[in-house]
Amino acid sequence: MERKNGLLMIGLILVVVGILGFAIPVFTTQKTEDVVRIGDLKIQSTEDTSHRIPQLLSGGVLVLGMILLGNSLYQKR
């Protein structure tokens, strides 16, 4: 019974991650670092970096999650 619940939870998580990958295919992160530091004075630079999630990866995660969900729901007792 615990194995079934574990597969169900992992499957649900993978399905949600796969759907989020399709819904939000590009996200941006920011990195702030000190450029110059003299005593208490510091100059910082913030750099934005875009990350793209491939649709094939999102689809694969979604399919894997659905397979795990199906396996956990229709498993022989």
N, C-alpha and C. Protein backbone atom coordinates (compact mmCIF):
# COMPACT_ATOMS: atom_id res chain seq x y z
N MET A 1 0.82 -1.20 0.00
CA MET A 1 0.00 0.00 0.00
C MET A 1 0.87 1.27 0.00
N GLU A 2 1.99 1.23 0.73
CA GLU A 2 2.86 2.41 0.77
C GLU A 2 3.50 2.66 -0.58
N ARG A 3 3.86 1.59 -1.29
CA ARG A 3 4.45 1.73 -2.62
C ARG A 3 3.47 2.42 -3.56
N LYS A 4 2.20 2.03 -3.45
CA LYS A 4 1.16 2.62 -4.28
C LYS A 4 1.02 4.11 -3.98
N ASN A 5 1.04 4.48 -2.71
CA ASN A 5 0.93 5.90 -2.33
C ASN A 5 2.15 6.69 -2.79
N GLY A 6 3.33 6.07 -2.70
CA GLY A 6 4.55 6.74 -3.13
C GLY A 6 4.53 7.01 -4.63
N LEU A 7 4.12 6.00 -5.42
CA LEU A 7 4.02 6.20 -6.86
C LEU A 7 2.98 7.25 -7.21
N LEU A 8 1.89 7.26 -6.47
CA LEU A 8 0.84 8.24 -6.71
C LEU A 8 1.36 9.66 -6.47
N MET A 9 2.06 9.87 -5.37
CA MET A 9 2.59 11.20 -5.04
C MET A 9 3.64 11.64 -6.07
N ILE A 10 4.56 10.75 -6.41
CA ILE A 10 5.60 11.10 -7.40
C ILE A 10 4.96 11.39 -8.75
N GLY A 11 3.96 10.59 -9.12
CA GLY A 11 3.26 10.82 -10.38
C GLY A 11 2.56 12.17 -10.40
N LEU A 12 1.88 12.51 -9.31
CA LEU A 12 1.21 13.81 -9.24
C LEU A 12 2.20 14.97 -9.34
N ILE A 13 3.32 14.84 -8.65
CA ILE A 13 4.34 15.90 -8.69
C ILE A 13 4.87 16.06 -10.11
N LEU A 14 5.16 14.94 -10.78
CA LEU A 14 5.68 15.02 -12.14
C LEU A 14 4.66 15.60 -13.12
N VAL A 15 3.40 15.26 -12.95
CA VAL A 15 2.36 15.83 -13.81
C VAL A 15 2.29 17.35 -13.62
N VAL A 16 2.32 17.80 -12.37
CA VAL A 16 2.26 19.25 -12.10
C VAL A 16 3.49 19.95 -12.68
N VAL A 17 4.68 19.36 -12.51
CA VAL A 17 5.90 19.97 -13.05
C VAL A 17 5.85 20.01 -14.57
N GLY A 18 5.35 18.95 -15.20
CA GLY A 18 5.22 18.94 -16.65
C GLY A 18 4.27 20.01 -17.16
N ILE A 19 3.13 20.17 -16.49
CA ILE A 19 2.17 21.20 -16.87
C ILE A 19 2.77 22.59 -16.68
N LEU A 20 3.48 22.80 -15.58
CA LEU A 20 4.14 24.09 -15.35
C LEU A 20 5.19 24.37 -16.42
N GLY A 21 5.89 23.32 -16.88
CA GLY A 21 6.87 23.49 -17.94
C GLY A 21 6.24 23.99 -19.23
N PHE A 22 5.01 23.51 -19.53
CA PHE A 22 4.30 24.01 -20.71
C PHE A 22 3.73 25.40 -20.47
N ALA A 23 3.24 25.67 -19.26
CA ALA A 23 2.61 26.95 -18.96
C ALA A 23 3.63 28.09 -18.87
N ILE A 24 4.80 27.78 -18.32
CA ILE A 24 5.84 28.80 -18.12
C ILE A 24 7.13 28.28 -18.75
N PRO A 25 7.26 28.36 -20.10
CA PRO A 25 8.44 27.78 -20.74
C PRO A 25 9.72 28.59 -20.56
N VAL A 26 9.60 29.85 -20.20
CA VAL A 26 10.78 30.70 -20.01
C VAL A 26 10.66 31.39 -18.66
N PHE A 27 11.74 31.33 -17.88
CA PHE A 27 11.77 32.07 -16.62
C PHE A 27 13.11 32.77 -16.49
N THR A 28 13.14 33.82 -15.69
CA THR A 28 14.33 34.66 -15.55
C THR A 28 14.81 34.62 -14.10
N THR A 29 16.12 34.53 -13.94
CA THR A 29 16.73 34.63 -12.62
C THR A 29 17.66 35.85 -12.61
N GLN A 30 17.90 36.36 -11.42
CA GLN A 30 18.79 37.51 -11.27
C GLN A 30 19.97 37.13 -10.39
N LYS A 31 21.12 37.66 -10.78
CA LYS A 31 22.34 37.44 -10.00
C LYS A 31 22.96 38.81 -9.72
N THR A 32 23.14 39.13 -8.43
CA THR A 32 23.74 40.39 -8.03
C THR A 32 25.12 40.12 -7.45
N GLU A 33 26.10 40.85 -7.94
CA GLU A 33 27.46 40.68 -7.41
C GLU A 33 28.13 42.04 -7.27
N ASP A 34 29.07 42.09 -6.33
CA ASP A 34 29.81 43.32 -6.09
C ASP A 34 30.82 43.53 -7.22
N VAL A 35 30.80 44.73 -7.83
CA VAL A 35 31.77 45.06 -8.87
C VAL A 35 32.97 45.74 -8.24
N VAL A 36 32.70 46.74 -7.38
CA VAL A 36 33.77 47.48 -6.71
C VAL A 36 33.38 47.63 -5.25
N ARG A 37 34.35 47.45 -4.38
CA ARG A 37 34.10 47.64 -2.95
C ARG A 37 35.29 48.40 -2.35
N ILE A 38 34.99 49.60 -1.86
CA ILE A 38 36.01 50.44 -1.23
C ILE A 38 35.45 50.87 0.12
N GLY A 39 35.94 50.26 1.18
CA GLY A 39 35.43 50.56 2.51
C GLY A 39 33.96 50.20 2.61
N ASP A 40 33.15 51.21 3.01
CA ASP A 40 31.70 50.99 3.11
C ASP A 40 30.99 51.18 1.78
N LEU A 41 31.68 51.73 0.80
CA LEU A 41 31.09 51.98 -0.50
C LEU A 41 31.22 50.74 -1.36
N LYS A 42 30.10 50.34 -1.95
CA LYS A 42 30.17 49.21 -2.88
C LYS A 42 29.26 49.48 -4.07
N ILE A 43 29.71 49.06 -5.22
CA ILE A 43 28.93 49.17 -6.44
C ILE A 43 28.58 47.75 -6.88
N GLN A 44 27.28 47.55 -7.09
CA GLN A 44 26.81 46.22 -7.45
C GLN A 44 26.26 46.21 -8.86
N SER A 45 26.32 45.03 -9.46
CA SER A 45 25.76 44.82 -10.79
C SER A 45 24.75 43.67 -10.70
N THR A 46 23.59 43.89 -11.29
CA THR A 46 22.56 42.84 -11.32
C THR A 46 22.41 42.37 -12.76
N GLU A 47 22.52 41.06 -12.96
CA GLU A 47 22.44 40.49 -14.29
C GLU A 47 21.24 39.54 -14.37
N ASP A 48 20.40 39.77 -15.37
CA ASP A 48 19.25 38.89 -15.61
C ASP A 48 19.66 37.79 -16.57
N THR A 49 19.25 36.57 -16.27
CA THR A 49 19.53 35.42 -17.14
C THR A 49 18.22 34.70 -17.41
N SER A 50 17.92 34.50 -18.69
CA SER A 50 16.71 33.77 -19.09
C SER A 50 17.03 32.30 -19.26
N HIS A 51 16.12 31.46 -18.81
CA HIS A 51 16.25 30.01 -18.93
C HIS A 51 15.03 29.50 -19.68
N ARG A 52 15.26 28.64 -20.66
CA ARG A 52 14.17 28.08 -21.46
C ARG A 52 14.05 26.59 -21.15
N ILE A 53 12.83 26.14 -20.88
CA ILE A 53 12.56 24.73 -20.63
C ILE A 53 12.11 24.12 -21.95
N PRO A 54 12.84 23.14 -22.48
CA PRO A 54 12.45 22.53 -23.75
C PRO A 54 11.09 21.84 -23.65
N GLN A 55 10.27 21.99 -24.70
CA GLN A 55 8.94 21.38 -24.70
C GLN A 55 9.04 19.86 -24.64
N LEU A 56 10.07 19.30 -25.25
CA LEU A 56 10.24 17.85 -25.22
C LEU A 56 10.46 17.36 -23.79
N LEU A 57 11.21 18.11 -23.01
CA LEU A 57 11.44 17.76 -21.60
C LEU A 57 10.13 17.85 -20.81
N SER A 58 9.38 18.94 -21.01
CA SER A 58 8.09 19.09 -20.31
C SER A 58 7.14 17.96 -20.67
N GLY A 59 7.10 17.61 -21.95
CA GLY A 59 6.23 16.52 -22.40
C GLY A 59 6.66 15.18 -21.82
N GLY A 60 7.97 14.94 -21.77
CA GLY A 60 8.47 13.69 -21.20
C GLY A 60 8.14 13.56 -19.73
N VAL A 61 8.30 14.64 -18.99
CA VAL A 61 7.99 14.62 -17.56
C VAL A 61 6.50 14.40 -17.35
N LEU A 62 5.68 15.05 -18.16
CA LEU A 62 4.23 14.90 -18.06
C LEU A 62 3.80 13.46 -18.36
N VAL A 63 4.36 12.87 -19.42
CA VAL A 63 4.01 11.49 -19.77
C VAL A 63 4.48 10.52 -18.69
N LEU A 64 5.69 10.72 -18.18
CA LEU A 64 6.19 9.85 -17.11
C LEU A 64 5.29 9.94 -15.87
N GLY A 65 4.87 11.14 -15.53
CA GLY A 65 3.96 11.32 -14.39
C GLY A 65 2.64 10.62 -14.61
N MET A 66 2.11 10.70 -15.84
CA MET A 66 0.84 10.03 -16.13
C MET A 66 1.00 8.51 -16.09
N ILE A 67 2.13 8.00 -16.53
CA ILE A 67 2.39 6.56 -16.47
C ILE A 67 2.45 6.10 -15.02
N LEU A 68 3.15 6.86 -14.17
CA LEU A 68 3.23 6.50 -12.75
C LEU A 68 1.86 6.58 -12.08
N LEU A 69 1.07 7.59 -12.43
CA LEU A 69 -0.28 7.69 -11.87
C LEU A 69 -1.13 6.51 -12.30
N GLY A 70 -1.07 6.18 -13.57
CA GLY A 70 -1.84 5.05 -14.07
C GLY A 70 -1.40 3.75 -13.42
N ASN A 71 -0.12 3.57 -13.25
CA ASN A 71 0.41 2.36 -12.61
C ASN A 71 -0.04 2.27 -11.17
N SER A 72 -0.03 3.38 -10.46
CA SER A 72 -0.42 3.33 -9.04
C SER A 72 -1.92 3.13 -8.87
N LEU A 73 -2.71 3.65 -9.80
CA LEU A 73 -4.17 3.52 -9.68
C LEU A 73 -4.69 2.15 -10.13
N TYR A 74 -4.01 1.54 -11.10
CA TYR A 74 -4.50 0.28 -11.66
C TYR A 74 -3.59 -0.90 -11.33
N GLN A 75 -2.83 -0.78 -10.26
CA GLN A 75 -1.92 -1.83 -9.85
C GLN A 75 -2.71 -3.03 -9.30
N LYS A 76 -2.24 -4.23 -9.64
CA LYS A 76 -2.89 -5.43 -9.10
C LYS A 76 -2.68 -5.51 -7.60
N ARG A 77 -3.68 -5.94 -6.89
CA ARG A 77 -3.59 -5.97 -5.43
C ARG A 77 -2.93 -7.23 -4.96
